[in-house]
Amino acid sequence: MGHGLGCDSAVLRGGQAAKDARSAPAADCTEHGASGWRSHRAREQSRMLGSSIFLREDVCCSAFVEVALQSEDTEDVATRFPRYSTVDLAPDTPERLRRCMESPYETPWAEEQPADYLCTNNFIQATACVAGLPDVQVIFDIFLGGGCTSMAAAHGSAGKVLPAEVFSFDLPEKLAKSLAPTGRLAQGDGTWWDITVVNETPPQPKLQEVLLRPGAGRMPRLVLVADYLEVVATASWNTLDVLCQHRQSLDFVVVDSSANVLFEKEWLIIETLCRPKRVLLTNLNLPSASSWIWHRLTRLNWQEIMWGHYLLDGDVWPPHSEMRRLRSWSLLSPPR
């Protein structure tokens, strides 16, 4: 790295200050072998670039950063830095589902807490809309996480004559955190949904006992299982066996996984034993995650009902993280 001038934070904020800064001579960085890209004085730490190198007083701009910054002032902004979420529906998308997706999305906590990107995006809306279909009675939200999808599924089915059962799994410590008294899951218990927690070890006997009881009553039932859903061997009796043997076929499965979650064995059990009628996948544009399931299902002639993408933040993220701000999803159904 040469000792040229650094990247001015004004460039990152855009506007006239950025344009003026971009006109600064690049000779110093060129002199030190920085590929001839423009250089700017670093007056403060840059939040956008998110790199410790910008704590130095004088650094040269990366070519990648320069291109990323230039795109904010061009027509290329829509592809490099998406500003809006989108939804596309197949021509044969059920009319009820189409109307639901075209309507404003309302959450049960809208008046109590400000909206957030994790719980109010169009992927969450898709979850609620599918859960509201008359024939959706059993829903499997594979990973609970913060609970946004499970709550959306329960809330989406709340107005039906027969509300749905929603099953979800996660690590015991994550389950305890999601069920904190101040959290939305706990606050909605008894008002929007009834929660049943299975935290015994191993969970199979207790889960089987729960599944032998009648399903949801006057409101949706959320069954939360403290289990990581890891199948050591497909021949061993596991929690997926219990769920799918008692609730086959699953009306709706939601897969919101990340790159560090590998569940090939688990998915094959879900696909072959649980026999889902609809599968909603997200994070399809991220490395790993669930894109391989999308490729597998489409190869098996599953049909896309609707698809889209949403943004986790209204502001652009640091250039090397920007691709993760955009999340793509797809709803599929098996061949008829």
C-alpha atoms as a PDB file:
ATOM      1  CA  MET A   1       0.000   0.000   0.000  1.00  0.00           C
ATOM      2  CA  GLY A   2       1.388   3.399  -0.972  1.00  0.00           C
ATOM      3  CA  HIS A   3       1.249   6.384   1.294  1.00  0.00           C
ATOM      4  CA  GLY A   4      -1.131   8.373  -0.878  1.00  0.00           C
ATOM      5  CA  LEU A   5      -4.236  10.204   0.199  1.00  0.00           C
ATOM      6  CA  GLY A   6      -7.102   8.247   1.779  1.00  0.00           C
ATOM      7  CA  CYS A   7     -10.782   7.772   0.873  1.00  0.00           C
ATOM      8  CA  ASP A   8     -12.833  10.776   1.983  1.00  0.00           C
ATOM      9  CA  SER A   9     -16.041   9.877   3.820  1.00  0.00           C
ATOM     10  CA  ALA A  10     -17.761  12.642   1.854  1.00  0.00           C
ATOM     11  CA  VAL A  11     -17.427  10.445  -1.218  1.00  0.00           C
ATOM     12  CA  LEU A  12     -19.410   7.751   0.538  1.00  0.00           C
ATOM     13  CA  ARG A  13     -22.189  10.139   1.475  1.00  0.00           C
ATOM     14  CA  GLY A  14     -22.624  11.125  -2.178  1.00  0.00           C
ATOM     15  CA  GLY A  15     -23.848  14.511  -3.395  1.00  0.00           C
ATOM     16  CA  GLN A  16     -21.733  17.497  -4.515  1.00  0.00           C
ATOM     17  CA  ALA A  17     -19.084  16.853  -1.855  1.00  0.00           C
ATOM     18  CA  ALA A  18     -18.500  13.415  -3.348  1.00  0.00           C
ATOM     19  CA  LYS A  19     -18.244  14.789  -6.889  1.00  0.00           C
ATOM     20  CA  ASP A  20     -15.798  17.456  -5.798  1.00  0.00           C
ATOM     21  CA  ALA A  21     -13.693  14.868  -3.967  1.00  0.00           C
ATOM     22  CA  ARG A  22     -13.650  12.579  -6.988  1.00  0.00           C
ATOM     23  CA  SER A  23     -12.091  15.344  -9.058  1.00  0.00           C
ATOM     24  CA  ALA A  24      -8.979  15.351  -6.840  1.00  0.00           C
ATOM     25  CA  PRO A  25      -5.731  14.403  -8.627  1.00  0.00           C
ATOM     26  CA  ALA A  26      -4.717  10.747  -8.417  1.00  0.00           C
ATOM     27  CA  ALA A  27      -1.020  11.297  -9.084  1.00  0.00           C
ATOM     28  CA  ASP A  28       0.131  10.407  -5.580  1.00  0.00           C
ATOM     29  CA  CYS A  29      -1.543   6.976  -5.537  1.00  0.00           C
ATOM     30  CA  THR A  30      -0.425   6.317  -9.127  1.00  0.00           C
ATOM     31  CA  GLU A  31       3.121   7.116  -8.093  1.00  0.00           C
ATOM     32  CA  HIS A  32       2.991   4.371  -5.482  1.00  0.00           C
ATOM     33  CA  GLY A  33       1.470   1.759  -7.770  1.00  0.00           C
ATOM     34  CA  ALA A  34      -2.208   2.029  -6.770  1.00  0.00           C
ATOM     35  CA  SER A  35      -3.462   1.319 -10.305  1.00  0.00           C
ATOM     36  CA  GLY A  36      -4.180   4.952 -11.090  1.00  0.00           C
ATOM     37  CA  TRP A  37      -7.478   5.123  -9.146  1.00  0.00           C
ATOM     38  CA  ARG A  38      -8.426   8.454  -7.643  1.00  0.00           C
ATOM     39  CA  SER A  39      -7.411   9.228  -4.073  1.00  0.00           C
ATOM     40  CA  HIS A  40      -9.113  11.354  -1.427  1.00  0.00           C
ATOM     41  CA  ARG A  41      -8.201  12.694   1.998  1.00  0.00           C
ATOM     42  CA  ALA A  42      -9.570  10.580   4.880  1.00  0.00           C
ATOM     43  CA  ARG A  43     -11.088  13.040   7.366  1.00  0.00           C
ATOM     44  CA  GLU A  44     -13.035  10.521   9.456  1.00  0.00           C
ATOM     45  CA  GLN A  45     -13.566   6.797   9.768  1.00  0.00           C
ATOM     46  CA  SER A  46     -15.759   5.472   6.982  1.00  0.00           C
ATOM     47  CA  ARG A  47     -18.794   3.507   8.160  1.00  0.00           C
ATOM     48  CA  MET A  48     -19.610   2.413   4.629  1.00  0.00           C
ATOM     49  CA  LEU A  49     -16.301   0.739   3.868  1.00  0.00           C
ATOM     50  CA  GLY A  50     -16.172  -0.951   7.241  1.00  0.00           C
ATOM     51  CA  SER A  51     -12.435  -1.691   7.159  1.00  0.00           C
ATOM     52  CA  SER A  52      -9.817  -1.054   9.835  1.00  0.00           C
ATOM     53  CA  ILE A  53      -7.431   0.254   7.195  1.00  0.00           C
ATOM     54  CA  PHE A  54      -9.501   3.434   6.982  1.00  0.00           C
ATOM     55  CA  LEU A  55      -8.547   4.268  10.535  1.00  0.00           C
ATOM     56  CA  ARG A  56      -5.184   5.299   9.047  1.00  0.00           C
ATOM     57  CA  GLU A  57      -4.772   8.924   8.162  1.00  0.00           C
ATOM     58  CA  ASP A  58      -3.595   8.363   4.590  1.00  0.00           C
ATOM     59  CA  VAL A  59      -4.518   5.405   2.371  1.00  0.00           C
ATOM     60  CA  CYS A  60      -5.233   4.925  -1.330  1.00  0.00           C
ATOM     61  CA  CYS A  61      -8.661   3.972  -2.680  1.00  0.00           C
ATOM     62  CA  SER A  62      -9.218   0.436  -3.933  1.00  0.00           C
ATOM     63  CA  ALA A  63     -10.346   0.084  -7.534  1.00  0.00           C
ATOM     64  CA  PHE A  64     -13.326  -1.918  -6.273  1.00  0.00           C
ATOM     65  CA  VAL A  65     -14.380   0.892  -3.936  1.00  0.00           C
ATOM     66  CA  GLU A  66     -14.073   3.477  -6.698  1.00  0.00           C
ATOM     67  CA  VAL A  67     -16.331   1.483  -9.032  1.00  0.00           C
ATOM     68  CA  ALA A  68     -18.845   0.911  -6.225  1.00  0.00           C
ATOM     69  CA  LEU A  69     -18.941   4.614  -5.408  1.00  0.00           C
ATOM     70  CA  GLN A  70     -19.274   5.676  -9.036  1.00  0.00           C
ATOM     71  CA  SER A  71     -22.277   3.377  -9.467  1.00  0.00           C
ATOM     72  CA  GLU A  72     -24.250   5.450  -6.964  1.00  0.00           C
ATOM     73  CA  ASP A  73     -24.265   8.349  -9.454  1.00  0.00           C
ATOM     74  CA  THR A  74     -25.254   6.309 -12.524  1.00  0.00           C
ATOM     75  CA  GLU A  75     -28.166   4.290 -13.881  1.00  0.00           C
ATOM     76  CA  ASP A  76     -26.257   1.226 -12.680  1.00  0.00           C
ATOM     77  CA  VAL A  77     -27.453   1.910  -9.133  1.00  0.00           C
ATOM     78  CA  ALA A  78     -30.524  -0.339  -9.522  1.00  0.00           C
ATOM     79  CA  THR A  79     -28.400  -3.408 -10.163  1.00  0.00           C
ATOM     80  CA  ARG A  80     -25.386  -2.689  -7.975  1.00  0.00           C
ATOM     81  CA  PHE A  81     -27.244  -1.242  -4.985  1.00  0.00           C
ATOM     82  CA  PRO A  82     -30.920  -2.325  -5.055  1.00  0.00           C
ATOM     83  CA  ARG A  83     -33.271   0.116  -3.338  1.00  0.00           C
ATOM     84  CA  TYR A  84     -36.571  -1.750  -3.547  1.00  0.00           C
ATOM     85  CA  SER A  85     -37.970  -5.201  -2.854  1.00  0.00           C
ATOM     86  CA  THR A  86     -39.799  -7.081  -5.592  1.00  0.00           C
ATOM     87  CA  VAL A  87     -42.340  -9.900  -5.921  1.00  0.00           C
ATOM     88  CA  ASP A  88     -43.194 -11.888  -9.057  1.00  0.00           C
ATOM     89  CA  LEU A  89     -46.097 -14.290  -9.360  1.00  0.00           C
ATOM     90  CA  ALA A  90     -46.576 -17.126 -11.822  1.00  0.00           C
ATOM     91  CA  PRO A  91     -49.626 -16.829 -14.133  1.00  0.00           C
ATOM     92  CA  ASP A  92     -51.387 -19.680 -12.314  1.00  0.00           C
ATOM     93  CA  THR A  93     -50.754 -18.345  -8.788  1.00  0.00           C
ATOM     94  CA  PRO A  94     -53.962 -18.915  -6.771  1.00  0.00           C
ATOM     95  CA  GLU A  95     -56.076 -15.762  -6.751  1.00  0.00           C
ATOM     96  CA  ARG A  96     -56.341 -15.682  -2.961  1.00  0.00           C
ATOM     97  CA  LEU A  97     -52.567 -15.809  -2.642  1.00  0.00           C
ATOM     98  CA  ARG A  98     -52.186 -13.119  -5.299  1.00  0.00           C
ATOM     99  CA  ARG A  99     -54.577 -10.757  -3.500  1.00  0.00           C
ATOM    100  CA  CYS A 100     -52.816 -11.328  -0.188  1.00  0.00           C
ATOM    101  CA  MET A 101     -49.396 -10.515  -1.636  1.00  0.00           C
ATOM    102  CA  GLU A 102     -50.727  -7.385  -3.329  1.00  0.00           C
ATOM    103  CA  SER A 103     -52.263  -6.078  -0.086  1.00  0.00           C
ATOM    104  CA  PRO A 104     -50.345  -4.111   2.580  1.00  0.00           C
ATOM    105  CA  TYR A 105     -48.814  -6.471   5.124  1.00  0.00           C
ATOM    106  CA  GLU A 106     -49.896  -6.005   8.729  1.00  0.00           C
ATOM    107  CA  THR A 107     -48.236  -7.675  11.703  1.00  0.00           C
ATOM    108  CA  PRO A 108     -49.876  -8.283  15.088  1.00  0.00           C
ATOM    109  CA  TRP A 109     -47.321  -6.042  16.802  1.00  0.00           C
ATOM    110  CA  ALA A 110     -47.435  -3.131  14.337  1.00  0.00           C
ATOM    111  CA  GLU A 111     -48.932  -0.731  16.889  1.00  0.00           C
ATOM    112  CA  GLU A 112     -46.709  -1.822  19.754  1.00  0.00           C
ATOM    113  CA  GLN A 113     -43.261  -1.850  18.182  1.00  0.00           C
ATOM    114  CA  PRO A 114     -41.694  -0.143  15.156  1.00  0.00           C
ATOM    115  CA  ALA A 115     -41.438  -2.172  11.981  1.00  0.00           C
ATOM    116  CA  ASP A 116     -38.136  -3.904  11.288  1.00  0.00           C
ATOM    117  CA  TYR A 117     -36.647  -5.402   8.146  1.00  0.00           C
ATOM    118  CA  LEU A 118     -36.423  -8.936   9.546  1.00  0.00           C
ATOM    119  CA  CYS A 119     -40.089  -9.279  10.494  1.00  0.00           C
ATOM    120  CA  THR A 120     -41.870  -7.109   7.922  1.00  0.00           C
ATOM    121  CA  ASN A 121     -40.347  -7.989   4.519  1.00  0.00           C
ATOM    122  CA  ASN A 122     -42.112  -9.651   1.583  1.00  0.00           C
ATOM    123  CA  PHE A 123     -40.658 -13.077   2.463  1.00  0.00           C
ATOM    124  CA  ILE A 124     -42.407 -12.825   5.833  1.00  0.00           C
ATOM    125  CA  GLN A 125     -45.559 -11.668   4.043  1.00  0.00           C
ATOM    126  CA  ALA A 126     -45.341 -14.691   1.726  1.00  0.00           C
ATOM    127  CA  THR A 127     -45.138 -16.931   4.806  1.00  0.00           C
ATOM    128  CA  ALA A 128     -48.266 -15.362   6.303  1.00  0.00           C
ATOM    129  CA  CYS A 129     -50.177 -15.440   3.012  1.00  0.00           C
ATOM    130  CA  VAL A 130     -49.500 -19.122   2.362  1.00  0.00           C
ATOM    131  CA  ALA A 131     -50.392 -19.950   5.984  1.00  0.00           C
ATOM    132  CA  GLY A 132     -53.745 -18.253   5.406  1.00  0.00           C
ATOM    133  CA  LEU A 133     -54.776 -20.601   2.591  1.00  0.00           C
ATOM    134  CA  PRO A 134     -57.742 -22.800   3.593  1.00  0.00           C
ATOM    135  CA  ASP A 135     -55.964 -26.137   3.068  1.00  0.00           C
ATOM    136  CA  VAL A 136     -52.834 -25.234   5.073  1.00  0.00           C
ATOM    137  CA  GLN A 137     -53.206 -26.858   8.497  1.00  0.00           C
ATOM    138  CA  VAL A 138     -49.708 -28.126   9.307  1.00  0.00           C
ATOM    139  CA  ILE A 139     -46.682 -25.837   8.911  1.00  0.00           C
ATOM    140  CA  PHE A 140     -43.036 -26.661   9.551  1.00  0.00           C
ATOM    141  CA  ASP A 141     -40.772 -23.626   9.990  1.00  0.00           C
ATOM    142  CA  ILE A 142     -37.536 -25.578  10.155  1.00  0.00           C
ATOM    143  CA  PHE A 143     -35.337 -23.124  12.086  1.00  0.00           C
ATOM    144  CA  LEU A 144     -36.956 -20.838  14.654  1.00  0.00           C
ATOM    145  CA  GLY A 145     -34.205 -18.204  14.872  1.00  0.00           C
ATOM    146  CA  GLY A 146     -35.763 -14.941  16.038  1.00  0.00           C
ATOM    147  CA  GLY A 147     -39.251 -16.317  15.435  1.00  0.00           C
ATOM    148  CA  CYS A 148     -40.317 -13.939  12.633  1.00  0.00           C
ATOM    149  CA  THR A 149     -41.443 -16.662  10.214  1.00  0.00           C
ATOM    150  CA  SER A 150     -43.148 -18.801  12.869  1.00  0.00           C
ATOM    151  CA  MET A 151     -45.082 -15.792  14.143  1.00  0.00           C
ATOM    152  CA  ALA A 152     -46.032 -14.807  10.596  1.00  0.00           C
ATOM    153  CA  ALA A 153     -47.264 -18.332   9.886  1.00  0.00           C
ATOM    154  CA  ALA A 154     -49.336 -18.411  13.062  1.00  0.00           C
ATOM    155  CA  HIS A 155     -50.729 -14.925  12.535  1.00  0.00           C
ATOM    156  CA  GLY A 156     -51.526 -15.645   8.890  1.00  0.00           C
ATOM    157  CA  SER A 157     -53.644 -18.640   9.825  1.00  0.00           C
ATOM    158  CA  ALA A 158     -55.374 -16.987  12.778  1.00  0.00           C
ATOM    159  CA  GLY A 159     -58.504 -15.928  10.923  1.00  0.00           C
ATOM    160  CA  LYS A 160     -59.351 -19.379   9.570  1.00  0.00           C
ATOM    161  CA  VAL A 161     -62.078 -21.662  10.878  1.00  0.00           C
ATOM    162  CA  LEU A 162     -59.347 -24.214  11.639  1.00  0.00           C
ATOM    163  CA  PRO A 163     -56.119 -22.388  12.571  1.00  0.00           C
ATOM    164  CA  ALA A 164     -52.854 -24.115  11.738  1.00  0.00           C
ATOM    165  CA  GLU A 165     -50.280 -25.909  13.834  1.00  0.00           C
ATOM    166  CA  VAL A 166     -46.788 -24.447  13.408  1.00  0.00           C
ATOM    167  CA  PHE A 167     -43.756 -26.571  14.330  1.00  0.00           C
ATOM    168  CA  SER A 168     -40.243 -25.177  14.657  1.00  0.00           C
ATOM    169  CA  PHE A 169     -36.880 -26.383  15.972  1.00  0.00           C
ATOM    170  CA  ASP A 170     -33.763 -24.690  17.321  1.00  0.00           C
ATOM    171  CA  LEU A 171     -30.948 -25.056  19.826  1.00  0.00           C
ATOM    172  CA  PRO A 172     -32.125 -24.961  23.481  1.00  0.00           C
ATOM    173  CA  GLU A 173     -30.230 -21.733  24.211  1.00  0.00           C
ATOM    174  CA  LYS A 174     -31.673 -20.020  21.120  1.00  0.00           C
ATOM    175  CA  LEU A 175     -35.145 -21.218  22.027  1.00  0.00           C
ATOM    176  CA  ALA A 176     -34.791 -19.773  25.524  1.00  0.00           C
ATOM    177  CA  LYS A 177     -33.645 -16.442  24.074  1.00  0.00           C
ATOM    178  CA  SER A 178     -36.523 -16.300  21.574  1.00  0.00           C
ATOM    179  CA  LEU A 179     -39.005 -17.024  24.375  1.00  0.00           C
ATOM    180  CA  ALA A 180     -37.756 -14.242  26.649  1.00  0.00           C
ATOM    181  CA  PRO A 181     -40.689 -12.506  28.424  1.00  0.00           C
ATOM    182  CA  THR A 182     -40.000  -9.239  26.594  1.00  0.00           C
ATOM    183  CA  GLY A 183     -39.929 -10.900  23.153  1.00  0.00           C
ATOM    184  CA  ARG A 184     -42.725 -10.943  20.605  1.00  0.00           C
ATOM    185  CA  LEU A 185     -43.198 -14.710  20.789  1.00  0.00           C
ATOM    186  CA  ALA A 186     -43.910 -14.656  24.521  1.00  0.00           C
ATOM    187  CA  GLN A 187     -46.024 -11.505  24.335  1.00  0.00           C
ATOM    188  CA  GLY A 188     -48.248 -13.061  21.677  1.00  0.00           C
ATOM    189  CA  ASP A 189     -48.814 -16.266  23.661  1.00  0.00           C
ATOM    190  CA  GLY A 190     -52.479 -16.589  24.578  1.00  0.00           C
ATOM    191  CA  THR A 191     -53.417 -13.602  22.393  1.00  0.00           C
ATOM    192  CA  TRP A 192     -52.356 -14.506  18.870  1.00  0.00           C
ATOM    193  CA  TRP A 193     -51.159 -18.097  19.363  1.00  0.00           C
ATOM    194  CA  ASP A 194     -50.782 -20.869  21.960  1.00  0.00           C
ATOM    195  CA  ILE A 195     -47.208 -21.987  22.595  1.00  0.00           C
ATOM    196  CA  THR A 196     -46.188 -25.533  23.520  1.00  0.00           C
ATOM    197  CA  VAL A 197     -42.490 -26.030  24.312  1.00  0.00           C
ATOM    198  CA  VAL A 198     -40.730 -29.386  24.035  1.00  0.00           C
ATOM    199  CA  ASN A 199     -37.378 -29.093  25.824  1.00  0.00           C
ATOM    200  CA  GLU A 200     -36.841 -32.632  27.114  1.00  0.00           C
ATOM    201  CA  THR A 201     -33.746 -34.655  26.178  1.00  0.00           C
ATOM    202  CA  PRO A 202     -34.174 -36.571  23.974  1.00  0.00           C
ATOM    203  CA  PRO A 203     -37.201 -34.727  22.591  1.00  0.00           C
ATOM    204  CA  GLN A 204     -38.803 -37.586  20.629  1.00  0.00           C
ATOM    205  CA  PRO A 205     -41.048 -39.096  23.368  1.00  0.00           C
ATOM    206  CA  LYS A 206     -42.418 -35.719  24.474  1.00  0.00           C
ATOM    207  CA  LEU A 207     -42.946 -34.533  20.908  1.00  0.00           C
ATOM    208  CA  GLN A 208     -44.845 -37.716  20.145  1.00  0.00           C
ATOM    209  CA  GLU A 209     -47.030 -37.131  23.187  1.00  0.00           C
ATOM    210  CA  VAL A 210     -47.777 -33.594  21.980  1.00  0.00           C
ATOM    211  CA  LEU A 211     -48.600 -34.788  18.468  1.00  0.00           C
ATOM    212  CA  LEU A 212     -51.096 -37.332  19.784  1.00  0.00           C
ATOM    213  CA  ARG A 213     -53.180 -34.544  21.281  1.00  0.00           C
ATOM    214  CA  PRO A 214     -55.810 -32.695  19.227  1.00  0.00           C
ATOM    215  CA  GLY A 215     -54.427 -29.975  16.949  1.00  0.00           C
ATOM    216  CA  ALA A 216     -54.926 -26.224  17.186  1.00  0.00           C
ATOM    217  CA  GLY A 217     -58.005 -24.935  18.981  1.00  0.00           C
ATOM    218  CA  ARG A 218     -59.488 -21.467  18.622  1.00  0.00           C
ATOM    219  CA  MET A 219     -56.061 -19.986  17.812  1.00  0.00           C
ATOM    220  CA  PRO A 220     -52.930 -21.310  16.060  1.00  0.00           C
ATOM    221  CA  ARG A 221     -50.671 -23.629  18.048  1.00  0.00           C
ATOM    222  CA  LEU A 222     -46.919 -23.022  18.022  1.00  0.00           C
ATOM    223  CA  VAL A 223     -44.956 -26.157  18.950  1.00  0.00           C
ATOM    224  CA  LEU A 224     -41.326 -25.198  19.623  1.00  0.00           C
ATOM    225  CA  VAL A 225     -38.822 -28.042  19.962  1.00  0.00           C
ATOM    226  CA  ALA A 226     -35.414 -27.607  21.620  1.00  0.00           C
ATOM    227  CA  ASP A 227     -33.494 -29.672  19.113  1.00  0.00           C
ATOM    228  CA  TYR A 228     -30.919 -28.660  16.516  1.00  0.00           C
ATOM    229  CA  LEU A 229     -32.533 -31.005  13.996  1.00  0.00           C
ATOM    230  CA  GLU A 230     -29.280 -32.819  13.351  1.00  0.00           C
ATOM    231  CA  VAL A 231     -29.723 -36.350  12.066  1.00  0.00           C
ATOM    232  CA  VAL A 232     -26.562 -38.336  12.809  1.00  0.00           C
ATOM    233  CA  ALA A 233     -27.683 -41.248  10.661  1.00  0.00           C
ATOM    234  CA  THR A 234     -30.798 -41.506   8.535  1.00  0.00           C
ATOM    235  CA  ALA A 235     -31.491 -44.966  10.021  1.00  0.00           C
ATOM    236  CA  SER A 236     -31.809 -43.655  13.600  1.00  0.00           C
ATOM    237  CA  TRP A 237     -35.136 -42.605  15.090  1.00  0.00           C
ATOM    238  CA  ASN A 238     -35.148 -38.818  15.184  1.00  0.00           C
ATOM    239  CA  THR A 239     -37.458 -35.851  15.734  1.00  0.00           C
ATOM    240  CA  LEU A 240     -38.231 -35.576  12.013  1.00  0.00           C
ATOM    241  CA  ASP A 241     -39.465 -39.183  12.071  1.00  0.00           C
ATOM    242  CA  VAL A 242     -41.836 -38.324  14.881  1.00  0.00           C
ATOM    243  CA  LEU A 243     -43.180 -35.161  13.250  1.00  0.00           C
ATOM    244  CA  CYS A 244     -43.621 -36.615   9.786  1.00  0.00           C
ATOM    245  CA  GLN A 245     -45.112 -39.918  10.894  1.00  0.00           C
ATOM    246  CA  HIS A 246     -47.830 -38.078  12.788  1.00  0.00           C
ATOM    247  CA  ARG A 247     -48.373 -35.108  10.449  1.00  0.00           C
ATOM    248  CA  GLN A 248     -47.676 -36.407   6.952  1.00  0.00           C
ATOM    249  CA  SER A 249     -48.076 -34.697   4.517  1.00  0.00           C
ATOM    250  CA  LEU A 250     -46.921 -31.271   5.628  1.00  0.00           C
ATOM    251  CA  ASP A 251     -48.978 -28.523   4.009  1.00  0.00           C
ATOM    252  CA  PHE A 252     -46.205 -25.929   4.122  1.00  0.00           C
ATOM    253  CA  VAL A 253     -42.461 -26.005   4.883  1.00  0.00           C
ATOM    254  CA  VAL A 254     -40.346 -22.864   5.391  1.00  0.00           C
ATOM    255  CA  VAL A 255     -36.549 -23.056   5.057  1.00  0.00           C
ATOM    256  CA  ASP A 256     -34.732 -19.953   6.297  1.00  0.00           C
ATOM    257  CA  SER A 257     -31.197 -21.260   6.666  1.00  0.00           C
ATOM    258  CA  SER A 258     -27.753 -19.697   6.571  1.00  0.00           C
ATOM    259  CA  ALA A 259     -24.451 -20.707   5.014  1.00  0.00           C
ATOM    260  CA  ASN A 260     -23.244 -22.458   8.174  1.00  0.00           C
ATOM    261  CA  VAL A 261     -26.243 -24.826   8.308  1.00  0.00           C
ATOM    262  CA  LEU A 262     -25.812 -28.044   6.366  1.00  0.00           C
ATOM    263  CA  PHE A 263     -28.761 -30.409   6.510  1.00  0.00           C
ATOM    264  CA  GLU A 264     -28.685 -32.698   3.497  1.00  0.00           C
ATOM    265  CA  LYS A 265     -29.791 -35.765   5.498  1.00  0.00           C
ATOM    266  CA  GLU A 266     -32.479 -33.779   7.239  1.00  0.00           C
ATOM    267  CA  TRP A 267     -33.852 -32.349   4.005  1.00  0.00           C
ATOM    268  CA  LEU A 268     -34.039 -35.782   2.344  1.00  0.00           C
ATOM    269  CA  ILE A 269     -36.118 -37.025   5.284  1.00  0.00           C
ATOM    270  CA  ILE A 270     -38.407 -33.992   4.982  1.00  0.00           C
ATOM    271  CA  GLU A 271     -38.717 -34.411   1.223  1.00  0.00           C
ATOM    272  CA  THR A 272     -39.393 -38.168   1.214  1.00  0.00           C
ATOM    273  CA  LEU A 273     -41.166 -38.787   4.524  1.00  0.00           C
ATOM    274  CA  CYS A 274     -42.875 -35.472   5.289  1.00  0.00           C
ATOM    275  CA  ARG A 275     -43.846 -34.997   1.610  1.00  0.00           C
ATOM    276  CA  PRO A 276     -44.446 -31.219   1.747  1.00  0.00           C
ATOM    277  CA  LYS A 277     -47.098 -29.696  -0.500  1.00  0.00           C
ATOM    278  CA  ARG A 278     -45.394 -26.288  -0.587  1.00  0.00           C
ATOM    279  CA  VAL A 279     -41.835 -25.197   0.168  1.00  0.00           C
ATOM    280  CA  LEU A 280     -40.719 -21.618   0.767  1.00  0.00           C
ATOM    281  CA  LEU A 281     -36.948 -21.060   0.511  1.00  0.00           C
ATOM    282  CA  THR A 282     -34.966 -17.917   1.202  1.00  0.00           C
ATOM    283  CA  ASN A 283     -31.342 -16.714   1.047  1.00  0.00           C
ATOM    284  CA  LEU A 284     -31.114 -18.272  -2.407  1.00  0.00           C
ATOM    285  CA  ASN A 285     -28.565 -15.710  -3.581  1.00  0.00           C
ATOM    286  CA  LEU A 286     -26.119 -16.316  -0.725  1.00  0.00           C
ATOM    287  CA  PRO A 287     -23.228 -18.781  -0.766  1.00  0.00           C
ATOM    288  CA  SER A 288     -24.453 -22.194   0.418  1.00  0.00           C
ATOM    289  CA  ALA A 289     -27.718 -21.647   2.378  1.00  0.00           C
ATOM    290  CA  SER A 290     -30.725 -23.323   0.699  1.00  0.00           C
ATOM    291  CA  SER A 291     -30.076 -22.658  -2.990  1.00  0.00           C
ATOM    292  CA  TRP A 292     -29.133 -26.309  -3.502  1.00  0.00           C
ATOM    293  CA  ILE A 293     -32.642 -27.329  -2.424  1.00  0.00           C
ATOM    294  CA  TRP A 294     -34.110 -24.963  -5.017  1.00  0.00           C
ATOM    295  CA  HIS A 295     -31.952 -26.538  -7.723  1.00  0.00           C
ATOM    296  CA  ARG A 296     -32.884 -30.023  -6.586  1.00  0.00           C
ATOM    297  CA  LEU A 297     -36.632 -29.348  -6.516  1.00  0.00           C
ATOM    298  CA  THR A 298     -36.746 -27.543  -9.853  1.00  0.00           C
ATOM    299  CA  ARG A 299     -34.797 -30.458 -11.350  1.00  0.00           C
ATOM    300  CA  LEU A 300     -37.535 -32.722  -9.962  1.00  0.00           C
ATOM    301  CA  ASN A 301     -40.106 -30.574 -11.821  1.00  0.00           C
ATOM    302  CA  TRP A 302     -41.388 -28.608  -8.860  1.00  0.00           C
ATOM    303  CA  GLN A 303     -43.044 -25.398 -10.013  1.00  0.00           C
ATOM    304  CA  GLU A 304     -42.372 -21.873  -8.769  1.00  0.00           C
ATOM    305  CA  ILE A 305     -45.594 -20.237  -7.566  1.00  0.00           C
ATOM    306  CA  MET A 306     -44.028 -16.895  -6.710  1.00  0.00           C
ATOM    307  CA  TRP A 307     -40.591 -15.465  -6.022  1.00  0.00           C
ATOM    308  CA  GLY A 308     -38.942 -12.211  -5.045  1.00  0.00           C
ATOM    309  CA  HIS A 309     -36.277 -10.467  -3.043  1.00  0.00           C
ATOM    310  CA  TYR A 310     -36.152  -8.135  -0.058  1.00  0.00           C
ATOM    311  CA  LEU A 311     -33.608  -5.841   1.570  1.00  0.00           C
ATOM    312  CA  LEU A 312     -32.350  -6.150   5.136  1.00  0.00           C
ATOM    313  CA  ASP A 313     -31.581  -2.454   5.315  1.00  0.00           C
ATOM    314  CA  GLY A 314     -32.615   0.704   3.510  1.00  0.00           C
ATOM    315  CA  ASP A 315     -29.003   1.923   3.427  1.00  0.00           C
ATOM    316  CA  VAL A 316     -26.231   0.496   1.310  1.00  0.00           C
ATOM    317  CA  TRP A 317     -23.857  -1.782   3.232  1.00  0.00           C
ATOM    318  CA  PRO A 318     -20.057  -1.780   2.956  1.00  0.00           C
ATOM    319  CA  PRO A 319     -19.120  -2.814  -0.607  1.00  0.00           C
ATOM    320  CA  HIS A 320     -17.823  -6.264   0.322  1.00  0.00           C
ATOM    321  CA  SER A 321     -20.972  -6.977   2.378  1.00  0.00           C
ATOM    322  CA  GLU A 322     -23.546  -5.396   0.080  1.00  0.00           C
ATOM    323  CA  MET A 323     -24.535  -8.660  -1.597  1.00  0.00           C
ATOM    324  CA  ARG A 324     -25.802  -9.962   1.752  1.00  0.00           C
ATOM    325  CA  ARG A 325     -28.210  -7.050   2.196  1.00  0.00           C
ATOM    326  CA  LEU A 326     -30.282  -8.483  -0.655  1.00  0.00           C
ATOM    327  CA  ARG A 327     -32.114 -11.785   0.027  1.00  0.00           C
ATOM    328  CA  SER A 328     -33.901 -13.805  -2.652  1.00  0.00           C
ATOM    329  CA  TRP A 329     -36.711 -16.282  -2.004  1.00  0.00           C
ATOM    330  CA  SER A 330     -38.995 -18.676  -3.879  1.00  0.00           C
ATOM    331  CA  LEU A 331     -42.207 -20.607  -3.195  1.00  0.00           C
ATOM    332  CA  LEU A 332     -42.468 -23.977  -4.928  1.00  0.00           C
ATOM    333  CA  SER A 333     -45.030 -26.765  -5.211  1.00  0.00           C
ATOM    334  CA  PRO A 334     -44.530 -30.390  -6.351  1.00  0.00           C
ATOM    335  CA  PRO A 335     -45.487 -31.514  -9.856  1.00  0.00           C
ATOM    336  CA  ARG A 336     -49.183 -32.202 -10.272  1.00  0.00           C
END
